[in-house]
PDB file of N, CA and C in Angstrom:
ATOM      1  N   HIS A   1      -2.301  12.059 -38.609  1.00  0.00           N
ATOM      2  CA  HIS A   1      -3.740  12.078 -38.395  1.00  0.00           C
ATOM      3  C   HIS A   1      -4.441  12.002 -39.742  1.00  0.00           C
ATOM      4  N   LEU A   2      -5.497  11.233 -39.771  1.00  0.00           N
ATOM      5  CA  LEU A   2      -6.229  11.056 -41.007  1.00  0.00           C
ATOM      6  C   LEU A   2      -7.466  11.932 -41.092  1.00  0.00           C
ATOM      7  N   LEU A   3      -7.937  12.444 -39.968  1.00  0.00           N
ATOM      8  CA  LEU A   3      -9.158  13.236 -39.936  1.00  0.00           C
ATOM      9  C   LEU A   3      -8.873  14.640 -39.421  1.00  0.00           C
ATOM     10  N   THR A   4      -9.848  15.529 -39.605  1.00  0.00           N
ATOM     11  CA  THR A   4      -9.728  16.868 -39.036  1.00  0.00           C
ATOM     12  C   THR A   4     -10.050  16.790 -37.542  1.00  0.00           C
ATOM     13  N   LYS A   5      -9.702  17.840 -36.828  1.00  0.00           N
ATOM     14  CA  LYS A   5      -9.974  17.874 -35.391  1.00  0.00           C
ATOM     15  C   LYS A   5     -11.480  17.739 -35.134  1.00  0.00           C
ATOM     16  N   GLN A   6     -12.276  18.433 -35.929  1.00  0.00           N
ATOM     17  CA  GLN A   6     -13.732  18.373 -35.764  1.00  0.00           C
ATOM     18  C   GLN A   6     -14.245  16.945 -35.983  1.00  0.00           C
ATOM     19  N   ALA A   7     -13.666  16.242 -36.950  1.00  0.00           N
ATOM     20  CA  ALA A   7     -14.067  14.861 -37.214  1.00  0.00           C
ATOM     21  C   ALA A   7     -13.707  13.957 -36.031  1.00  0.00           C
ATOM     22  N   TYR A   8     -12.548  14.198 -35.406  1.00  0.00           N
ATOM     23  CA  TYR A   8     -12.173  13.408 -34.225  1.00  0.00           C
ATOM     24  C   TYR A   8     -13.115  13.691 -33.059  1.00  0.00           C
ATOM     25  N   ILE A   9     -13.546  14.933 -32.913  1.00  0.00           N
ATOM     26  CA  ILE A   9     -14.488  15.277 -31.852  1.00  0.00           C
ATOM     27  C   ILE A   9     -15.798  14.515 -32.053  1.00  0.00           C
ATOM     28  N   GLN A  10     -16.298  14.508 -33.284  1.00  0.00           N
ATOM     29  CA  GLN A  10     -17.542  13.796 -33.575  1.00  0.00           C
ATOM     30  C   GLN A  10     -17.369  12.290 -33.404  1.00  0.00           C
ATOM     31  N   LEU A  11     -16.242  11.766 -33.866  1.00  0.00           N
ATOM     32  CA  LEU A  11     -15.975  10.340 -33.723  1.00  0.00           C
ATOM     33  C   LEU A  11     -15.923   9.940 -32.253  1.00  0.00           C
ATOM     34  N   TYR A  12     -15.316  10.783 -31.419  1.00  0.00           N
ATOM     35  CA  TYR A  12     -15.250  10.498 -29.986  1.00  0.00           C
ATOM     36  C   TYR A  12     -16.661  10.452 -29.389  1.00  0.00           C
ATOM     37  N   LYS A  13     -17.511  11.403 -29.773  1.00  0.00           N
ATOM     38  CA  LYS A  13     -18.897  11.405 -29.280  1.00  0.00           C
ATOM     39  C   LYS A  13     -19.610  10.125 -29.703  1.00  0.00           C
ATOM     40  N   ASP A  14     -19.392   9.714 -30.938  1.00  0.00           N
ATOM     41  CA  ASP A  14     -20.003   8.476 -31.424  1.00  0.00           C
ATOM     42  C   ASP A  14     -19.496   7.267 -30.645  1.00  0.00           C
ATOM     43  N   LEU A  15     -18.196   7.232 -30.370  1.00  0.00           N
ATOM     44  CA  LEU A  15     -17.634   6.114 -29.606  1.00  0.00           C
ATOM     45  C   LEU A  15     -18.216   6.049 -28.194  1.00  0.00           C
ATOM     46  N   GLU A  16     -18.453   7.206 -27.587  1.00  0.00           N
ATOM     47  CA  GLU A  16     -19.017   7.227 -26.241  1.00  0.00           C
ATOM     48  C   GLU A  16     -20.416   6.622 -26.206  1.00  0.00           C
ATOM     49  N   THR A  17     -21.195   6.851 -27.257  1.00  0.00           N
ATOM     50  CA  THR A  17     -22.570   6.333 -27.265  1.00  0.00           C
ATOM     51  C   THR A  17     -22.640   4.863 -27.665  1.00  0.00           C
ATOM     52  N   LYS A  18     -21.565   4.337 -28.224  1.00  0.00           N
ATOM     53  CA  LYS A  18     -21.573   2.948 -28.693  1.00  0.00           C
ATOM     54  C   LYS A  18     -20.616   2.062 -27.898  1.00  0.00           C
ATOM     55  N   GLU A  19     -20.407   2.410 -26.648  1.00  0.00           N
ATOM     56  CA  GLU A  19     -19.487   1.636 -25.821  1.00  0.00           C
ATOM     57  C   GLU A  19     -20.005   0.222 -25.611  1.00  0.00           C
ATOM     58  N   PRO A  20     -19.164  -0.769 -25.882  1.00  0.00           N
ATOM     59  CA  PRO A  20     -19.611  -2.147 -25.660  1.00  0.00           C
ATOM     60  C   PRO A  20     -19.731  -2.438 -24.170  1.00  0.00           C
ATOM     61  N   SER A  21     -20.541  -3.434 -23.844  1.00  0.00           N
ATOM     62  CA  SER A  21     -20.688  -3.785 -22.434  1.00  0.00           C
ATOM     63  C   SER A  21     -19.413  -4.474 -21.953  1.00  0.00           C
ATOM     64  N   LEU A  22     -19.151  -4.314 -20.680  1.00  0.00           N
ATOM     65  CA  LEU A  22     -17.985  -4.969 -20.094  1.00  0.00           C
ATOM     66  C   LEU A  22     -18.184  -6.482 -20.116  1.00  0.00           C
ATOM     67  N   PRO A  23     -17.115  -7.212 -20.372  1.00  0.00           N
ATOM     68  CA  PRO A  23     -17.243  -8.670 -20.404  1.00  0.00           C
ATOM     69  C   PRO A  23     -17.494  -9.226 -19.000  1.00  0.00           C
ATOM     70  N   CYS A  24     -18.242 -10.309 -18.966  1.00  0.00           N
ATOM     71  CA  CYS A  24     -18.469 -10.944 -17.670  1.00  0.00           C
ATOM     72  C   CYS A  24     -17.818 -12.323 -17.662  1.00  0.00           C
ATOM     73  N   CYS A  25     -17.687 -12.858 -16.492  1.00  0.00           N
ATOM     74  CA  CYS A  25     -17.188 -14.222 -16.302  1.00  0.00           C
ATOM     75  C   CYS A  25     -15.810 -14.437 -16.916  1.00  0.00           C
ATOM     76  N   TRP A  26     -15.002 -13.430 -16.916  1.00  0.00           N
ATOM     77  CA  TRP A  26     -13.629 -13.530 -17.416  1.00  0.00           C
ATOM     78  C   TRP A  26     -13.564 -14.033 -18.865  1.00  0.00           C
ATOM     79  N   ASP A  27     -14.484 -13.562 -19.675  1.00  0.00           N
ATOM     80  CA  ASP A  27     -14.520 -13.913 -21.094  1.00  0.00           C
ATOM     81  C   ASP A  27     -13.347 -13.234 -21.796  1.00  0.00           C
ATOM     82  N   LYS A  28     -12.347 -14.003 -22.208  1.00  0.00           N
ATOM     83  CA  LYS A  28     -11.134 -13.433 -22.800  1.00  0.00           C
ATOM     84  C   LYS A  28     -11.414 -12.691 -24.097  1.00  0.00           C
ATOM     85  N   ALA A  29     -12.281 -13.234 -24.934  1.00  0.00           N
ATOM     86  CA  ALA A  29     -12.588 -12.575 -26.205  1.00  0.00           C
ATOM     87  C   ALA A  29     -13.292 -11.240 -25.967  1.00  0.00           C
ATOM     88  N   GLY A  30     -14.235 -11.240 -25.015  1.00  0.00           N
ATOM     89  CA  GLY A  30     -14.936 -10.000 -24.683  1.00  0.00           C
ATOM     90  C   GLY A  30     -14.012  -8.974 -24.062  1.00  0.00           C
ATOM     91  N   ALA A  31     -13.109  -9.439 -23.198  1.00  0.00           N
ATOM     92  CA  ALA A  31     -12.149  -8.540 -22.558  1.00  0.00           C
ATOM     93  C   ALA A  31     -11.213  -7.923 -23.596  1.00  0.00           C
ATOM     94  N   LYS A  32     -10.782  -8.733 -24.559  1.00  0.00           N
ATOM     95  CA  LYS A  32      -9.893  -8.225 -25.602  1.00  0.00           C
ATOM     96  C   LYS A  32     -10.614  -7.188 -26.460  1.00  0.00           C
ATOM     97  N   LYS A  33     -11.883  -7.462 -26.793  1.00  0.00           N
ATOM     98  CA  LYS A  33     -12.670  -6.519 -27.590  1.00  0.00           C
ATOM     99  C   LYS A  33     -12.842  -5.198 -26.841  1.00  0.00           C
ATOM    100  N   TYR A  34     -13.154  -5.279 -25.543  1.00  0.00           N
ATOM    101  CA  TYR A  34     -13.331  -4.054 -24.760  1.00  0.00           C
ATOM    102  C   TYR A  34     -12.021  -3.295 -24.626  1.00  0.00           C
ATOM    103  N   ASP A  35     -10.914  -4.009 -24.438  1.00  0.00           N
ATOM    104  CA  ASP A  35      -9.599  -3.377 -24.329  1.00  0.00           C
ATOM    105  C   ASP A  35      -9.252  -2.621 -25.616  1.00  0.00           C
ATOM    106  N   GLU A  36      -9.524  -3.245 -26.751  1.00  0.00           N
ATOM    107  CA  GLU A  36      -9.264  -2.584 -28.034  1.00  0.00           C
ATOM    108  C   GLU A  36     -10.122  -1.335 -28.167  1.00  0.00           C
ATOM    109  N   TYR A  37     -11.394  -1.442 -27.784  1.00  0.00           N
ATOM    110  CA  TYR A  37     -12.288  -0.284 -27.821  1.00  0.00           C
ATOM    111  C   TYR A  37     -11.743   0.847 -26.946  1.00  0.00           C
ATOM    112  N   ALA A  38     -11.315   0.516 -25.722  1.00  0.00           N
ATOM    113  CA  ALA A  38     -10.812   1.529 -24.787  1.00  0.00           C
ATOM    114  C   ALA A  38      -9.558   2.214 -25.336  1.00  0.00           C
ATOM    115  N   ARG A  39      -8.671   1.428 -25.960  1.00  0.00           N
ATOM    116  CA  ARG A  39      -7.452   2.023 -26.532  1.00  0.00           C
ATOM    117  C   ARG A  39      -7.795   2.955 -27.697  1.00  0.00           C
ATOM    118  N   VAL A  40      -8.695   2.534 -28.564  1.00  0.00           N
ATOM    119  CA  VAL A  40      -9.096   3.372 -29.698  1.00  0.00           C
ATOM    120  C   VAL A  40      -9.767   4.641 -29.194  1.00  0.00           C
ATOM    121  N   LYS A  41     -10.636   4.512 -28.208  1.00  0.00           N
ATOM    122  CA  LYS A  41     -11.337   5.672 -27.649  1.00  0.00           C
ATOM    123  C   LYS A  41     -10.342   6.679 -27.072  1.00  0.00           C
ATOM    124  N   LYS A  42      -9.316   6.175 -26.376  1.00  0.00           N
ATOM    125  CA  LYS A  42      -8.308   7.072 -25.785  1.00  0.00           C
ATOM    126  C   LYS A  42      -7.522   7.796 -26.873  1.00  0.00           C
ATOM    127  N   ILE A  43      -7.147   7.081 -27.935  1.00  0.00           N
ATOM    128  CA  ILE A  43      -6.414   7.713 -29.037  1.00  0.00           C
ATOM    129  C   ILE A  43      -7.279   8.786 -29.695  1.00  0.00           C
ATOM    130  N   VAL A  44      -8.539   8.464 -29.962  1.00  0.00           N
ATOM    131  CA  VAL A  44      -9.440   9.425 -30.602  1.00  0.00           C
ATOM    132  C   VAL A  44      -9.649  10.627 -29.694  1.00  0.00           C
ATOM    133  N   TYR A  45      -9.811  10.388 -28.381  1.00  0.00           N
ATOM    134  CA  TYR A  45      -9.967  11.510 -27.447  1.00  0.00           C
ATOM    135  C   TYR A  45      -8.745  12.422 -27.481  1.00  0.00           C
ATOM    136  N   ASN A  46      -7.566  11.819 -27.368  1.00  0.00           N
ATOM    137  CA  ASN A  46      -6.345  12.618 -27.382  1.00  0.00           C
ATOM    138  C   ASN A  46      -6.233  13.432 -28.665  1.00  0.00           C
ATOM    139  N   ARG A  47      -6.557  12.823 -29.784  1.00  0.00           N
ATOM    140  CA  ARG A  47      -6.497  13.545 -31.055  1.00  0.00           C
ATOM    141  C   ARG A  47      -7.558  14.636 -31.133  1.00  0.00           C
ATOM    142  N   SER A  48      -8.677  14.451 -30.460  1.00  0.00           N
ATOM    143  CA  SER A  48      -9.742  15.461 -30.508  1.00  0.00           C
ATOM    144  C   SER A  48      -9.397  16.704 -29.696  1.00  0.00           C
ATOM    145  N   ILE A  49      -8.478  16.584 -28.743  1.00  0.00           N
ATOM    146  CA  ILE A  49      -8.112  17.749 -27.926  1.00  0.00           C
ATOM    147  C   ILE A  49      -6.699  18.241 -28.200  1.00  0.00           C
ATOM    148  N   ALA A  50      -5.999  17.569 -29.098  1.00  0.00           N
ATOM    149  CA  ALA A  50      -4.591  17.895 -29.349  1.00  0.00           C
ATOM    150  C   ALA A  50      -4.427  19.309 -29.909  1.00  0.00           C
ATOM    151  N   SER A  51      -3.370  19.964 -29.458  1.00  0.00           N
ATOM    152  CA  SER A  51      -3.070  21.305 -29.961  1.00  0.00           C
ATOM    153  C   SER A  51      -2.369  21.246 -31.312  1.00  0.00           C
ATOM    154  N   LYS A  52      -1.792  20.088 -31.641  1.00  0.00           N
ATOM    155  CA  LYS A  52      -1.122  19.874 -32.924  1.00  0.00           C
ATOM    156  C   LYS A  52      -1.468  18.474 -33.417  1.00  0.00           C
ATOM    157  N   PRO A  53      -1.455  18.244 -34.724  1.00  0.00           N
ATOM    158  CA  PRO A  53      -1.739  16.899 -35.241  1.00  0.00           C
ATOM    159  C   PRO A  53      -0.534  15.969 -35.105  1.00  0.00           C
ATOM    160  N   ASP A  54      -0.207  15.647 -33.868  1.00  0.00           N
ATOM    161  CA  ASP A  54       0.946  14.804 -33.561  1.00  0.00           C
ATOM    162  C   ASP A  54       0.559  13.949 -32.358  1.00  0.00           C
ATOM    163  N   ASP A  55       0.699  12.636 -32.475  1.00  0.00           N
ATOM    164  CA  ASP A  55       0.257  11.757 -31.394  1.00  0.00           C
ATOM    165  C   ASP A  55       1.012  11.978 -30.097  1.00  0.00           C
ATOM    166  N   LYS A  56       2.293  12.306 -30.157  1.00  0.00           N
ATOM    167  CA  LYS A  56       3.046  12.570 -28.918  1.00  0.00           C
ATOM    168  C   LYS A  56       2.510  13.816 -28.231  1.00  0.00           C
ATOM    169  N   VAL A  57       2.218  14.842 -29.015  1.00  0.00           N
ATOM    170  CA  VAL A  57       1.635  16.067 -28.460  1.00  0.00           C
ATOM    171  C   VAL A  57       0.236  15.767 -27.934  1.00  0.00           C
ATOM    172  N   ALA A  58      -0.518  14.950 -28.670  1.00  0.00           N
ATOM    173  CA  ALA A  58      -1.877  14.605 -28.255  1.00  0.00           C
ATOM    174  C   ALA A  58      -1.877  13.892 -26.908  1.00  0.00           C
ATOM    175  N   ILE A  59      -0.940  12.980 -26.710  1.00  0.00           N
ATOM    176  CA  ILE A  59      -0.838  12.260 -25.428  1.00  0.00           C
ATOM    177  C   ILE A  59      -0.531  13.247 -24.302  1.00  0.00           C
ATOM    178  N   ALA A  60       0.407  14.150 -24.537  1.00  0.00           N
ATOM    179  CA  ALA A  60       0.760  15.153 -23.511  1.00  0.00           C
ATOM    180  C   ALA A  60      -0.435  16.056 -23.221  1.00  0.00           C
ATOM    181  N   ASP A  61      -1.139  16.490 -24.272  1.00  0.00           N
ATOM    182  CA  ASP A  61      -2.324  17.336 -24.072  1.00  0.00           C
ATOM    183  C   ASP A  61      -3.406  16.578 -23.306  1.00  0.00           C
ATOM    184  N   GLY A  62      -3.576  15.297 -23.621  1.00  0.00           N
ATOM    185  CA  GLY A  62      -4.556  14.475 -22.909  1.00  0.00           C
ATOM    186  C   GLY A  62      -4.245  14.369 -21.435  1.00  0.00           C
ATOM    187  N   LYS A  63      -2.976  14.199 -21.108  1.00  0.00           N
ATOM    188  CA  LYS A  63      -2.566  14.124 -19.702  1.00  0.00           C
ATOM    189  C   LYS A  63      -2.822  15.444 -18.991  1.00  0.00           C
ATOM    190  N   LYS A  64      -2.568  16.564 -19.681  1.00  0.00           N
ATOM    191  CA  LYS A  64      -2.814  17.888 -19.080  1.00  0.00           C
ATOM    192  C   LYS A  64      -4.296  18.074 -18.786  1.00  0.00           C
ATOM    193  N   VAL A  65      -5.140  17.716 -19.753  1.00  0.00           N
ATOM    194  CA  VAL A  65      -6.581  17.879 -19.570  1.00  0.00           C
ATOM    195  C   VAL A  65      -7.073  16.979 -18.445  1.00  0.00           C
ATOM    196  N   THR A  66      -6.595  15.755 -18.400  1.00  0.00           N
ATOM    197  CA  THR A  66      -6.989  14.825 -17.340  1.00  0.00           C
ATOM    198  C   THR A  66      -6.590  15.381 -15.974  1.00  0.00           C
ATOM    199  N   LYS A  67      -5.389  15.935 -15.861  1.00  0.00           N
ATOM    200  CA  LYS A  67      -4.936  16.512 -14.592  1.00  0.00           C
ATOM    201  C   LYS A  67      -5.784  17.719 -14.212  1.00  0.00           C
ATOM    202  N   LEU A  68      -6.098  18.575 -15.201  1.00  0.00           N
ATOM    203  CA  LEU A  68      -6.941  19.741 -14.916  1.00  0.00           C
ATOM    204  C   LEU A  68      -8.324  19.318 -14.429  1.00  0.00           C
ATOM    205  N   LYS A  69      -8.908  18.307 -15.072  1.00  0.00           N
ATOM    206  CA  LYS A  69     -10.222  17.820 -14.654  1.00  0.00           C
ATOM    207  C   LYS A  69     -10.164  17.238 -13.249  1.00  0.00           C
ATOM    208  N   LYS A  70      -9.103  16.485 -12.954  1.00  0.00           N
ATOM    209  CA  LYS A  70      -8.949  15.895 -11.618  1.00  0.00           C
ATOM    210  C   LYS A  70      -8.792  16.993 -10.574  1.00  0.00           C
ATOM    211  N   ASP A  71      -7.959  17.995 -10.872  1.00  0.00           N
ATOM    212  CA  ASP A  71      -7.758  19.092  -9.931  1.00  0.00           C
ATOM    213  C   ASP A  71      -9.057  19.851  -9.682  1.00  0.00           C
ATOM    214  N   LEU A  72      -9.836  20.078 -10.749  1.00  0.00           N
ATOM    215  CA  LEU A  72     -11.114  20.778 -10.612  1.00  0.00           C
ATOM    216  C   LEU A  72     -12.094  19.952  -9.777  1.00  0.00           C
ATOM    217  N   ARG A  73     -12.156  18.638 -10.035  1.00  0.00           N
ATOM    218  CA  ARG A  73     -13.028  17.755  -9.271  1.00  0.00           C
ATOM    219  C   ARG A  73     -12.627  17.759  -7.792  1.00  0.00           C
ATOM    220  N   ASP A  74     -11.313  17.660  -7.521  1.00  0.00           N
ATOM    221  CA  ASP A  74     -10.831  17.661  -6.138  1.00  0.00           C
ATOM    222  C   ASP A  74     -11.168  18.970  -5.433  1.00  0.00           C
ATOM    223  N   LYS A  75     -11.071  20.076  -6.160  1.00  0.00           N
ATOM    224  CA  LYS A  75     -11.393  21.379  -5.570  1.00  0.00           C
ATOM    225  C   LYS A  75     -12.880  21.458  -5.239  1.00  0.00           C
ATOM    226  N   LYS A  76     -13.727  20.965  -6.146  1.00  0.00           N
ATOM    227  CA  LYS A  76     -15.167  20.978  -5.881  1.00  0.00           C
ATOM    228  C   LYS A  76     -15.498  20.132  -4.653  1.00  0.00           C
ATOM    229  N   ILE A  77     -14.861  18.966  -4.541  1.00  0.00           N
ATOM    230  CA  ILE A  77     -15.094  18.102  -3.380  1.00  0.00           C
ATOM    231  C   ILE A  77     -14.646  18.809  -2.106  1.00  0.00           C
ATOM    232  N   SER A  78     -13.483  19.438  -2.155  1.00  0.00           N
ATOM    233  CA  SER A  78     -12.972  20.163  -0.991  1.00  0.00           C
ATOM    234  C   SER A  78     -13.908  21.306  -0.609  1.00  0.00           C
ATOM    235  N   ASP A  79     -14.368  22.061  -1.615  1.00  0.00           N
ATOM    236  CA  ASP A  79     -15.287  23.172  -1.343  1.00  0.00           C
ATOM    237  C   ASP A  79     -16.606  22.662  -0.759  1.00  0.00           C
ATOM    238  N   ASN A  80     -17.107  21.555  -1.286  1.00  0.00           N
ATOM    239  CA  ASN A  80     -18.347  20.985  -0.762  1.00  0.00           C
ATOM    240  C   ASN A  80     -18.175  20.530   0.681  1.00  0.00           C
ATOM    241  N   ASN A  81     -17.023  19.938   0.990  1.00  0.00           N
ATOM    242  CA  ASN A  81     -16.761  19.499   2.358  1.00  0.00           C
ATOM    243  C   ASN A  81     -16.696  20.684   3.312  1.00  0.00           C
ATOM    244  N   LYS A  82     -16.076  21.784   2.864  1.00  0.00           N
ATOM    245  CA  LYS A  82     -16.002  22.987   3.709  1.00  0.00           C
ATOM    246  C   LYS A  82     -17.392  23.547   3.954  1.00  0.00           C
ATOM    247  N   THR A  83     -18.224  23.566   2.896  1.00  0.00           N
ATOM    248  CA  THR A  83     -19.583  24.075   3.024  1.00  0.00           C
ATOM    249  C   THR A  83     -20.384  23.219   3.991  1.00  0.00           C
ATOM    250  N   ALA A  84     -20.253  21.908   3.905  1.00  0.00           N
ATOM    251  CA  ALA A  84     -20.975  21.002   4.801  1.00  0.00           C
ATOM    252  C   ALA A  84     -20.533  21.204   6.240  1.00  0.00           C
ATOM    253  N   THR A  85     -19.249  21.374   6.469  1.00  0.00           N
ATOM    254  CA  THR A  85     -18.720  21.575   7.818  1.00  0.00           C
ATOM    255  C   THR A  85     -19.243  22.880   8.405  1.00  0.00           C
ATOM    256  N   VAL A  86     -19.250  23.940   7.608  1.00  0.00           N
ATOM    257  CA  VAL A  86     -19.756  25.235   8.073  1.00  0.00           C
ATOM    258  C   VAL A  86     -21.245  25.126   8.375  1.00  0.00           C
ATOM    259  N   GLY A  87     -21.982  24.408   7.517  1.00  0.00           N
ATOM    260  CA  GLY A  87     -23.418  24.228   7.740  1.00  0.00           C
ATOM    261  C   GLY A  87     -23.707  23.503   9.036  1.00  0.00           C
ATOM    262  N   VAL A  88     -22.940  22.480   9.339  1.00  0.00           N
ATOM    263  CA  VAL A  88     -23.116  21.737  10.587  1.00  0.00           C
ATOM    264  C   VAL A  88     -22.760  22.622  11.770  1.00  0.00           C
ATOM    265  N   ALA A  89     -21.692  23.375  11.651  1.00  0.00           N
ATOM    266  CA  ALA A  89     -21.278  24.259  12.749  1.00  0.00           C
ATOM    267  C   ALA A  89     -22.344  25.311  13.024  1.00  0.00           C
ATOM    268  N   ILE A  90     -22.955  25.826  11.969  1.00  0.00           N
ATOM    269  CA  ILE A  90     -23.999  26.831  12.156  1.00  0.00           C
ATOM    270  C   ILE A  90     -25.233  26.177  12.792  1.00  0.00           C
ATOM    271  N   ALA A  91     -25.575  24.997  12.324  1.00  0.00           N
ATOM    272  CA  ALA A  91     -26.779  24.339  12.820  1.00  0.00           C
ATOM    273  C   ALA A  91     -26.635  23.863  14.266  1.00  0.00           C
ATOM    274  N   PHE A  92     -25.440  23.410  14.668  1.00  0.00           N
ATOM    275  CA  PHE A  92     -25.255  22.830  15.977  1.00  0.00           C
ATOM    276  C   PHE A  92     -24.405  23.670  16.917  1.00  0.00           C
ATOM    277  N   GLY A  93     -23.972  24.816  16.484  1.00  0.00           N
ATOM    278  CA  GLY A  93     -23.180  25.676  17.345  1.00  0.00           C
ATOM    279  C   GLY A  93     -21.704  25.597  17.004  1.00  0.00           C
ATOM    280  N   ALA A  94     -20.968  26.581  17.455  1.00  0.00           N
ATOM    281  CA  ALA A  94     -19.563  26.701  17.103  1.00  0.00           C
ATOM    282  C   ALA A  94     -18.726  25.549  17.632  1.00  0.00           C
ATOM    283  N   GLY A  95     -19.161  24.867  18.679  1.00  0.00           N
ATOM    284  CA  GLY A  95     -18.381  23.787  19.244  1.00  0.00           C
ATOM    285  C   GLY A  95     -18.713  22.428  18.634  1.00  0.00           C
ATOM    286  N   ALA A  96     -19.494  22.420  17.556  1.00  0.00           N
ATOM    287  CA  ALA A  96     -19.916  21.161  16.955  1.00  0.00           C
ATOM    288  C   ALA A  96     -18.744  20.452  16.289  1.00  0.00           C
ATOM    289  N   ALA A  97     -18.743  19.155  16.388  1.00  0.00           N
ATOM    290  CA  ALA A  97     -17.718  18.342  15.736  1.00  0.00           C
ATOM    291  C   ALA A  97     -18.411  17.457  14.717  1.00  0.00           C
ATOM    292  N   VAL A  98     -17.751  17.298  13.584  1.00  0.00           N
ATOM    293  CA  VAL A  98     -18.310  16.457  12.532  1.00  0.00           C
ATOM    294  C   VAL A  98     -17.452  15.213  12.425  1.00  0.00           C
ATOM    295  N   TYR A  99     -18.075  14.076  12.529  1.00  0.00           N
ATOM    296  CA  TYR A  99     -17.367  12.801  12.386  1.00  0.00           C
ATOM    297  C   TYR A  99     -17.896  12.096  11.163  1.00  0.00           C
ATOM    298  N   LEU A 100     -17.026  11.877  10.202  1.00  0.00           N
ATOM    299  CA  LEU A 100     -17.432  11.189   8.974  1.00  0.00           C
ATOM    300  C   LEU A 100     -16.730   9.875   8.864  1.00  0.00           C
TER     301      LEU A 100
END
């Protein structure tokens, strides 16, 4: 790693605000530029959350964080669905059925 963890965090924030637009009409040059940007952004993100200054560790840490975020998102969706179902049951009676 060439930068400190704090520098990678700031660099990642900067990359997020300067994301290039997606290429249209199957523009190969634009697609290649966006692909390079996405790869660099992923490396910088992994390094910004890494527990050690090692790219292999950073990749593993990135996967853990991604899984935790996905699990949290799935739980929120599940909780929201349960709340909606209970709300419908209360509003329409215990025998109400919800069809989505």
